[in-house]
C-alpha cells in the first residue's frame, strides 16, 4: 500500500467546549455532522466569498484538527483567533504531528490517527502521527499524481488563495460546502452562485500534447484567455477554465493552447454540473 509523507501540510488544532460552535459559524462545511473517522473538505472564506484557506477537517477527542498547507497554517490559526471573541476555544499550530496519505484501500502498518479522505472515494486516507512513525513507501509526487488522476484540486497548486470561489475550486462537487447549515463567512455569495448557477469557471482535467507546462501558464484559444494551468503529472493535469469561452473556442474549431502546448479538457468523473457544448462539437 502506498504511504507518502506530505511535508507541505501542517495541522491547526481547535479545541475546547466552544470549538464546534465557533467553526460551524465560520467554515463552509458542516462540522456538527462530521463523523469520527472522516476528514471533510472545508474552507474559510473572505466576506466576498473567495477562498482564503482550504483544509481537511477531522475530529480529535477535545475538538478538531485542520489539515492545511504548511505555509498557510499560522495565518489560518491567526484568522480563526479573530473570530474567537469570548468563546472557550484554544487555537494553535501543532508541530508535533506529521501528515501522510495512503491509498489503494489498505490500512497503514503503524499506529496513527487515520481518517478517510471523503473528497473522493478512491483518494484514500489521511494519516496523522509523529513523523518517525511513518515508513513511507511512496514519494510525495506519487500522491499528487494519484490526486491529479482523480481530478481533485488543491489550493495553492490549482487555484490561488484569495482569488477563487468555492464553486470554481470544485468544493461544491467534493463535499466542501454545506448549503443547508445556515450562515458562515461569505455564505451569501456562495449561496447566490449555487441558486443562480452562475459558476462559469471550473477545474477541469487537462490532457496535453506533450509534457505539461508549468502551473500558472495561461491557456488561450484564438488569442483569447480561457484560464490557467494547475498541477500536473506527465501529460495530465488540472486547469482552471472558463467554460463559456471553451465552448466558443470549440464552436469555432480553435484548439486551446497552454502556452504553446495543445491541450484538451475533460469534466471530472465525479462532477455533476453541465459542460457547455458548442454546436457540432462536444466536451468530454
Protein backbone atom coordinates (compact mmCIF):
# COMPACT_ATOMS: atom_id res chain seq x y z
CA UNK A 1 0.00 0.00 0.00
CA UNK A 2 1.42 3.40 -0.91
CA UNK A 3 2.07 5.70 2.04
CA UNK A 4 3.50 9.12 1.29
CA UNK A 5 4.65 11.70 3.81
CA UNK A 6 3.29 15.15 2.94
CA UNK A 7 5.81 17.67 4.31
CA UNK A 8 3.91 20.58 2.74
CA UNK A 9 0.99 20.03 5.15
CA UNK A 10 0.50 21.03 8.80
CA UNK A 11 -2.21 20.77 11.44
CA UNK A 12 -4.11 23.56 13.17
CA UNK A 13 -6.00 22.37 16.24
CA UNK A 14 -9.16 24.00 17.54
CA UNK A 15 -10.07 22.64 20.97
CA UNK A 16 -12.32 23.47 23.90
CA UNK A 17 -16.04 23.39 24.75
CA UNK A 18 -16.97 26.00 22.12
CA UNK A 19 -14.86 24.60 19.26
CA UNK A 20 -17.76 23.14 17.29
CA UNK A 21 -19.92 26.25 17.63
CA UNK A 22 -17.07 28.53 16.53
CA UNK A 23 -16.18 26.50 13.45
CA UNK A 24 -19.79 25.86 12.46
CA UNK A 25 -20.32 29.61 12.28
CA UNK A 26 -17.34 30.46 10.07
CA UNK A 27 -16.49 27.45 7.84
CA UNK A 28 -18.14 26.34 4.59
CA UNK A 29 -18.50 22.72 5.73
CA UNK A 30 -20.74 21.25 8.42
CA UNK A 31 -18.70 20.25 11.47
CA UNK A 32 -21.72 19.08 13.50
CA UNK A 33 -22.32 16.13 11.15
CA UNK A 34 -18.61 15.24 10.87
CA UNK A 35 -18.03 11.57 11.70
CA UNK A 36 -15.15 10.26 13.85
CA UNK A 37 -13.24 8.54 11.05
CA UNK A 38 -13.86 11.20 8.41
CA UNK A 39 -11.76 14.03 7.00
CA UNK A 40 -14.02 16.54 5.27
CA UNK A 41 -13.06 19.28 2.85
CA UNK A 42 -13.76 22.81 4.04
CA UNK A 43 -12.71 26.40 3.65
CA UNK A 44 -12.60 29.72 5.43
CA UNK A 45 -13.72 32.48 3.08
CA UNK A 46 -13.37 36.23 2.80
CA UNK A 47 -16.68 38.11 3.27
CA UNK A 48 -16.72 38.45 -0.55
CA UNK A 49 -16.92 34.65 -0.82
CA UNK A 50 -13.40 33.84 -2.07
CA UNK A 51 -11.24 31.12 -0.52
CA UNK A 52 -8.65 32.33 1.96
CA UNK A 53 -7.80 28.88 3.36
CA UNK A 54 -8.74 25.31 2.46
CA UNK A 55 -8.23 22.20 4.58
CA UNK A 56 -9.40 18.75 5.56
CA UNK A 57 -11.09 18.85 8.95
CA UNK A 58 -11.43 15.87 11.29
CA UNK A 59 -12.26 15.26 14.93
CA UNK A 60 -9.88 14.79 17.86
CA UNK A 61 -11.00 13.97 21.41
CA UNK A 62 -11.29 17.59 22.57
CA UNK A 63 -12.06 19.34 19.29
CA UNK A 64 -10.90 19.39 15.68
CA UNK A 65 -7.76 19.37 13.55
CA UNK A 66 -7.47 21.25 10.26
CA UNK A 67 -5.02 19.71 7.79
CA UNK A 68 -3.85 22.64 5.66
CA UNK A 69 -0.93 23.94 3.60
CA UNK A 70 2.07 24.39 5.89
CA UNK A 71 2.77 27.91 4.65
CA UNK A 72 -0.84 28.89 5.46
CA UNK A 73 -1.17 27.24 8.87
CA UNK A 74 -0.03 30.13 11.06
CA UNK A 75 -2.23 32.59 9.18
CA UNK A 76 -5.20 30.23 9.44
CA UNK A 77 -4.74 29.99 13.21
CA UNK A 78 -4.49 33.78 13.41
CA UNK A 79 -7.63 34.31 11.32
CA UNK A 80 -9.64 31.85 13.41
CA UNK A 81 -8.46 33.61 16.55
CA UNK A 82 -10.01 36.85 15.23
CA UNK A 83 -13.41 35.12 15.25
CA UNK A 84 -12.97 33.57 18.70
CA UNK A 85 -14.16 36.59 20.72
CA UNK A 86 -15.17 35.19 24.15
CA UNK A 87 -15.56 31.58 23.07
CA UNK A 88 -13.82 28.96 25.21
CA UNK A 89 -11.50 27.77 22.47
CA UNK A 90 -7.76 27.20 22.07
CA UNK A 91 -6.32 27.56 18.56
CA UNK A 92 -2.75 26.53 17.69
CA UNK A 93 -0.48 25.05 15.05
CA UNK A 94 0.62 21.58 16.16
CA UNK A 95 4.25 20.96 15.13
CA UNK A 96 4.41 17.52 16.81
CA UNK A 97 2.21 15.67 14.31
CA UNK A 98 3.10 14.96 10.70
CA UNK A 99 0.69 14.37 7.81
CA UNK A 100 0.78 11.45 5.39
CA UNK A 101 -1.57 9.98 2.80
CA UNK A 102 -2.33 6.37 1.95
CA UNK A 103 -4.35 4.98 -0.92
CA UNK A 104 -5.29 1.75 -2.73
CA UNK A 105 -7.61 0.65 0.07
CA UNK A 106 -5.20 -0.89 2.60
CA UNK A 107 -4.63 0.14 6.21
CA UNK A 108 -1.28 1.57 7.37
CA UNK A 109 1.02 -0.67 9.39
CA UNK A 110 1.75 1.98 12.02
CA UNK A 111 -0.19 3.40 14.95
CA UNK A 112 -1.70 6.59 13.58
CA UNK A 113 -4.77 8.71 13.61
CA UNK A 114 -6.30 7.52 10.34
CA UNK A 115 -9.34 9.12 8.71
CA UNK A 116 -10.96 8.66 5.31
CA UNK A 117 -10.41 11.48 2.84
CA UNK A 118 -14.02 11.97 1.78
CA UNK A 119 -13.35 14.23 -1.19
CA UNK A 120 -13.27 11.19 -3.48
CA UNK A 121 -14.00 7.53 -2.82
CA UNK A 122 -10.67 6.47 -4.37
CA UNK A 123 -8.49 9.16 -2.82
CA UNK A 124 -7.65 7.08 0.26
CA UNK A 125 -6.93 8.12 3.83
CA UNK A 126 -5.10 10.78 5.80
CA UNK A 127 -2.64 9.62 8.48
CA UNK A 128 -1.57 11.71 11.48
CA UNK A 129 1.29 10.71 13.77
CA UNK A 130 4.78 11.68 14.89
CA UNK A 131 6.96 11.82 11.78
CA UNK A 132 9.11 8.90 12.90
CA UNK A 133 6.06 6.62 12.94
CA UNK A 134 5.79 6.58 9.16
CA UNK A 135 7.58 4.16 6.88
CA UNK A 136 6.81 5.95 3.65
CA UNK A 137 6.95 3.71 0.61
CA UNK A 138 5.89 6.35 -1.89
CA UNK A 139 7.09 9.83 -2.73
CA UNK A 140 5.02 12.96 -2.27
CA UNK A 141 4.94 13.23 -6.08
CA UNK A 142 3.25 9.80 -6.23
CA UNK A 143 0.42 11.05 -4.05
CA UNK A 144 -0.07 14.15 -6.19
CA UNK A 145 -0.06 12.02 -9.36
CA UNK A 146 -2.85 9.94 -7.78
CA UNK A 147 -4.75 13.10 -6.81
CA UNK A 148 -4.38 14.61 -10.28
CA UNK A 149 -5.58 11.39 -11.94
CA UNK A 150 -8.77 11.74 -9.89
CA UNK A 151 -9.02 15.45 -10.83
CA UNK A 152 -9.11 16.58 -7.19
CA UNK A 153 -7.74 20.15 -6.93
CA UNK A 154 -5.70 21.61 -4.09
CA UNK A 155 -5.37 25.22 -3.04
CA UNK A 156 -2.10 26.93 -3.93
CA UNK A 157 -1.49 24.36 -6.67
CA UNK A 158 -4.63 24.53 -8.78
CA UNK A 159 -6.16 27.83 -7.72
CA UNK A 160 -4.85 30.91 -5.94
CA UNK A 161 -5.92 31.76 -2.41
CA UNK A 162 -7.99 34.92 -2.28
CA UNK A 163 -8.86 34.64 -5.98
CA UNK A 164 -11.24 31.66 -6.35
CA UNK A 165 -14.79 30.96 -5.25
CA UNK A 166 -15.65 27.53 -3.78
CA UNK A 167 -17.58 26.54 -6.92
CA UNK A 168 -14.55 27.35 -9.09
CA UNK A 169 -12.41 25.13 -6.85
CA UNK A 170 -14.98 22.30 -7.10
CA UNK A 171 -15.79 22.43 -3.39
CA UNK A 172 -19.49 22.12 -4.15
CA UNK A 173 -18.71 18.86 -6.01
CA UNK A 174 -16.34 17.43 -3.38
CA UNK A 175 -18.39 17.90 -0.21
CA UNK A 176 -16.67 21.09 0.93
CA UNK A 177 -19.78 23.28 1.12
CA UNK A 178 -22.95 22.63 3.09
CA UNK A 179 -25.80 24.58 1.51
CA UNK A 180 -28.29 23.79 4.30
CA UNK A 181 -26.42 24.51 7.53
CA UNK A 182 -27.01 28.26 7.71
CA UNK A 183 -24.75 31.28 7.87
CA UNK A 184 -20.95 31.37 7.70
CA UNK A 185 -18.45 33.92 6.46
CA UNK A 186 -19.06 34.51 2.74
CA UNK A 187 -22.21 32.37 2.71
CA UNK A 188 -24.45 34.81 0.84
CA UNK A 189 -22.17 34.96 -2.19
CA UNK A 190 -21.71 31.18 -2.33
CA UNK A 191 -25.45 30.51 -1.97
CA UNK A 192 -26.24 33.01 -4.71
CA UNK A 193 -23.83 31.27 -7.10
CA UNK A 194 -25.44 27.93 -6.26
CA UNK A 195 -29.04 29.00 -6.73
CA UNK A 196 -28.41 31.08 -9.85
CA UNK A 197 -26.00 28.64 -11.44
CA UNK A 198 -23.50 31.42 -12.17
CA UNK A 199 -20.25 29.44 -11.79
CA UNK A 200 -18.71 29.92 -15.24
CA UNK A 201 -15.19 28.87 -14.23
CA UNK A 202 -14.36 25.31 -13.15
CA UNK A 203 -11.42 23.00 -12.55
CA UNK A 204 -11.18 20.51 -15.43
CA UNK A 205 -8.91 17.58 -16.20
CA UNK A 206 -6.34 18.68 -18.79
CA UNK A 207 -4.58 16.44 -21.31
CA UNK A 208 -1.53 17.91 -23.01
CA UNK A 209 0.12 17.03 -26.31
CA UNK A 210 3.48 16.55 -24.66
CA UNK A 211 4.85 17.44 -21.24
CA UNK A 212 2.59 19.70 -19.21
CA UNK A 213 3.62 23.36 -18.99
CA UNK A 214 4.38 24.91 -15.58
CA UNK A 215 1.49 25.75 -13.22
CA UNK A 216 0.10 29.21 -13.85
CA UNK A 217 0.63 29.07 -17.61
CA UNK A 218 -2.08 30.98 -19.47
CA UNK A 219 -4.48 28.95 -21.60
CA UNK A 220 -5.68 30.67 -24.76
CA UNK A 221 -7.71 29.94 -27.87
CA UNK A 222 -7.56 32.25 -30.87
CA UNK A 223 -5.75 34.83 -28.76
CA UNK A 224 -8.46 34.89 -26.07
CA UNK A 225 -7.77 33.80 -22.50
CA UNK A 226 -9.54 30.65 -21.28
CA UNK A 227 -7.82 30.10 -17.95
CA UNK A 228 -4.63 28.87 -16.32
CA UNK A 229 -2.90 25.55 -15.77
CA UNK A 230 -2.61 23.97 -12.35
CA UNK A 231 -0.69 20.98 -11.04
CA UNK A 232 0.33 18.23 -13.46
CA UNK A 233 1.93 14.82 -13.71
CA UNK A 234 3.40 13.94 -17.09
CA UNK A 235 0.94 14.79 -19.85
CA UNK A 236 -2.03 15.07 -17.48
CA UNK A 237 -3.01 17.86 -15.15
CA UNK A 238 -5.69 20.18 -13.86
CA UNK A 239 -6.68 23.58 -15.18
CA UNK A 240 -8.98 26.42 -14.14
CA UNK A 241 -11.07 27.14 -17.23
CA UNK A 242 -13.87 29.49 -18.30
CA UNK A 243 -16.49 27.10 -19.63
CA UNK A 244 -18.28 29.62 -21.82
CA UNK A 245 -15.07 30.64 -23.55
CA UNK A 246 -14.10 27.00 -24.02
CA UNK A 247 -17.45 26.35 -25.73
CA UNK A 248 -16.86 29.34 -28.02
CA UNK A 249 -13.41 28.00 -28.96
CA UNK A 250 -14.77 24.55 -29.73
CA UNK A 251 -17.56 26.02 -31.79
CA UNK A 252 -15.02 27.99 -33.81
CA UNK A 253 -12.84 24.92 -34.30
CA UNK A 254 -9.92 26.51 -32.42
CA UNK A 255 -7.55 24.28 -30.43
CA UNK A 256 -6.79 25.63 -26.93
CA UNK A 257 -3.12 26.17 -26.11
CA UNK A 258 -1.43 26.13 -22.71
CA UNK A 259 1.46 28.37 -23.60
CA UNK A 260 2.49 26.73 -26.87
CA UNK A 261 1.21 23.25 -25.95
CA UNK A 262 -2.12 21.97 -27.36
CA UNK A 263 -4.50 20.89 -24.61
CA UNK A 264 -7.87 19.17 -24.40
CA UNK A 265 -10.23 19.14 -21.43
CA UNK A 266 -12.46 16.65 -19.70
CA UNK A 267 -15.04 17.05 -16.97
CA UNK A 268 -14.03 15.14 -13.79
CA UNK A 269 -15.94 11.88 -13.45
CA UNK A 270 -17.40 12.93 -10.10
CA UNK A 271 -18.71 16.29 -11.35
CA UNK A 272 -22.45 16.83 -11.76
CA UNK A 273 -22.51 20.27 -13.40
CA UNK A 274 -23.34 20.56 -17.09
CA UNK A 275 -20.50 21.17 -19.51
CA UNK A 276 -21.50 23.64 -22.23
CA UNK A 277 -21.35 22.30 -25.75
CA UNK A 278 -20.89 24.31 -28.90
CA UNK A 279 -22.96 23.43 -31.98
CA UNK A 280 -21.45 20.44 -33.73
CA UNK A 281 -18.86 19.81 -31.01
CA UNK A 282 -18.65 18.45 -27.51
CA UNK A 283 -16.57 18.50 -24.37
CA UNK A 284 -15.96 15.13 -22.71
